[in-house]
Amino acid sequence: MQSKPQVLAWITCDGVHVDPGSGKHTLLGIFSNIRARQFPVVHPHMMWFLTIADVPTGEHKLRISMGLDATRLAPLIERPFKSEGPLQRINLINEIRNLSFAAPGDYSILIEIDEEPLLATNITVSA
């Protein structure tokens, strides 16, 4: 029986620098909520950094969806990635530009691999 992929890290930040020599990742400006003076508001740029393990060897698809209503999420990211095997730790850097928030609230985020839910979390947007 194959194990289910596991989330090792989920971080929202301003940027991710990957050192060309060592391959180490440096996360810049980590945050967990967004504050705005008025709505709707557009957040110009953020990164969603995801580290996963226990992913079977081969090609896979990551989908990240978001919405204010957890029952009606809209896909924001759909991208392929490859796993060399379940022992590999895979860092997926997802750049988000001009993300719009219509109103304050807790926005649900759903992360799926190959259409299987992996993590349900949220980001709070407040006035």
Protein backbone atom coordinates (compact mmCIF):
# COMPACT_ATOMS: atom_id res chain seq x y z
CA MET A 1 0.00 0.00 0.00
CA GLN A 2 1.32 3.44 -0.94
CA SER A 3 1.42 6.15 1.68
CA LYS A 4 -0.41 9.43 1.19
CA PRO A 5 1.74 12.51 0.42
CA GLN A 6 2.53 14.52 3.55
CA VAL A 7 2.81 18.29 4.04
CA LEU A 8 6.03 19.20 5.82
CA ALA A 9 5.70 22.99 5.41
CA TRP A 10 3.13 25.52 4.19
CA ILE A 11 4.32 29.12 4.42
CA THR A 12 3.02 32.39 3.00
CA CYS A 13 5.80 34.94 2.43
CA ASP A 14 6.97 37.86 0.31
CA GLY A 15 9.72 35.96 -1.49
CA VAL A 16 11.86 32.85 -1.74
CA HIS A 17 15.55 32.99 -2.62
CA VAL A 18 17.18 29.76 -3.80
CA ASP A 19 20.96 29.83 -3.38
CA PRO A 20 22.44 28.73 -6.72
CA GLY A 21 25.44 27.07 -5.05
CA SER A 22 23.83 25.11 -2.25
CA GLY A 23 20.18 24.92 -3.33
CA LYS A 24 19.14 26.19 0.12
CA HIS A 25 15.90 28.17 0.31
CA THR A 26 15.65 31.47 2.19
CA LEU A 27 12.11 32.66 2.93
CA LEU A 28 11.62 36.41 3.12
CA GLY A 29 8.82 38.25 4.93
CA ILE A 30 6.77 35.38 6.36
CA PHE A 31 3.17 36.36 7.22
CA SER A 32 -0.11 34.66 8.16
CA ASN A 33 -2.73 37.37 7.60
CA ILE A 34 -3.41 40.39 5.44
CA ARG A 35 -4.67 43.79 6.61
CA ALA A 36 -6.38 46.27 4.32
CA ARG A 37 -7.88 49.72 4.74
CA GLN A 38 -10.67 49.21 2.21
CA PHE A 39 -12.29 46.45 0.16
CA PRO A 40 -12.05 45.05 -2.37
CA VAL A 41 -8.27 44.89 -2.04
CA VAL A 42 -5.64 43.42 -4.35
CA HIS A 43 -2.49 41.96 -2.79
CA PRO A 44 0.23 42.64 -5.38
CA HIS A 45 2.63 39.75 -4.74
CA MET A 46 3.13 36.80 -2.40
CA MET A 47 4.64 33.32 -2.42
CA TRP A 48 3.11 30.10 -1.16
CA PHE A 49 5.97 27.79 -0.21
CA LEU A 50 5.04 24.12 0.10
CA THR A 51 7.28 21.22 1.13
CA ILE A 52 5.90 17.71 0.70
CA ALA A 53 7.20 14.16 1.12
CA ASP A 54 5.92 10.58 0.66
CA VAL A 55 4.96 11.34 -2.94
CA PRO A 56 5.08 8.24 -5.16
CA THR A 57 7.61 8.22 -8.02
CA GLY A 58 6.39 9.89 -11.20
CA GLU A 59 4.42 12.84 -12.54
CA HIS A 60 1.82 14.55 -10.34
CA LYS A 61 -0.46 17.60 -10.35
CA LEU A 62 -0.68 20.24 -7.61
CA ARG A 63 -3.86 22.30 -7.32
CA ILE A 64 -4.37 25.15 -4.85
CA SER A 65 -7.87 26.61 -4.57
CA MET A 66 -9.18 29.49 -2.46
CA GLY A 67 -12.45 31.16 -1.53
CA LEU A 68 -14.34 32.97 1.21
CA ASP A 69 -16.93 30.18 1.13
CA ALA A 70 -15.23 26.82 1.84
CA THR A 71 -17.82 25.01 -0.28
CA ARG A 72 -17.09 27.09 -3.41
CA LEU A 73 -13.35 27.33 -3.92
CA ALA A 74 -11.80 28.60 -7.15
CA PRO A 75 -8.55 27.07 -8.44
CA LEU A 76 -5.65 29.56 -8.30
CA ILE A 77 -2.76 27.27 -9.19
CA GLU A 78 -2.65 24.08 -11.21
CA ARG A 79 0.82 22.83 -12.04
CA PRO A 80 2.62 19.58 -12.73
CA PHE A 81 5.61 18.39 -10.72
CA LYS A 82 7.75 15.28 -10.59
CA SER A 83 8.73 13.05 -7.67
CA GLU A 84 11.90 10.97 -7.71
CA GLY A 85 10.41 8.79 -4.96
CA PRO A 86 8.66 8.85 -1.56
CA LEU A 87 11.87 9.73 0.34
CA GLN A 88 12.40 12.94 -1.67
CA ARG A 89 11.42 16.21 -0.02
CA ILE A 90 9.88 18.38 -2.71
CA ASN A 91 9.83 22.17 -2.38
CA LEU A 92 7.19 23.83 -4.55
CA ILE A 93 7.40 27.62 -4.84
CA ASN A 94 4.11 29.14 -5.99
CA GLU A 95 4.09 32.82 -6.97
CA ILE A 96 0.77 34.64 -6.59
CA ARG A 97 0.30 38.03 -8.24
CA ASN A 98 -2.62 40.45 -7.90
CA LEU A 99 -4.77 38.26 -5.67
CA SER A 100 -8.11 39.98 -5.05
CA PHE A 101 -10.06 39.87 -1.78
CA ALA A 102 -13.63 41.17 -2.09
CA ALA A 103 -14.32 41.43 1.65
CA PRO A 104 -12.68 40.80 5.01
CA GLY A 105 -12.85 37.26 6.38
CA ASP A 106 -11.17 33.90 6.69
CA TYR A 107 -10.39 32.70 3.16
CA SER A 108 -10.23 28.91 2.86
CA ILE A 109 -7.30 27.37 1.01
CA LEU A 110 -7.34 23.79 -0.23
CA ILE A 111 -4.18 22.04 -1.42
CA GLU A 112 -4.63 18.91 -3.52
CA ILE A 113 -2.25 16.49 -5.20
CA ASP A 114 -3.71 14.42 -8.03
CA GLU A 115 -7.21 15.62 -6.96
CA GLU A 116 -6.78 14.22 -3.43
CA PRO A 117 -7.08 16.78 -0.58
CA LEU A 118 -3.78 17.18 1.24
CA LEU A 119 -4.26 20.28 3.42
CA ALA A 120 -7.16 22.60 4.23
CA THR A 121 -6.08 25.86 5.85
CA ASN A 122 -6.95 29.56 5.68
CA ILE A 123 -5.63 33.08 5.49
CA THR A 124 -7.33 35.87 7.43
CA VAL A 125 -7.96 39.16 5.67
CA SER A 126 -9.00 41.96 8.04
CA ALA A 127 -9.74 45.67 8.03
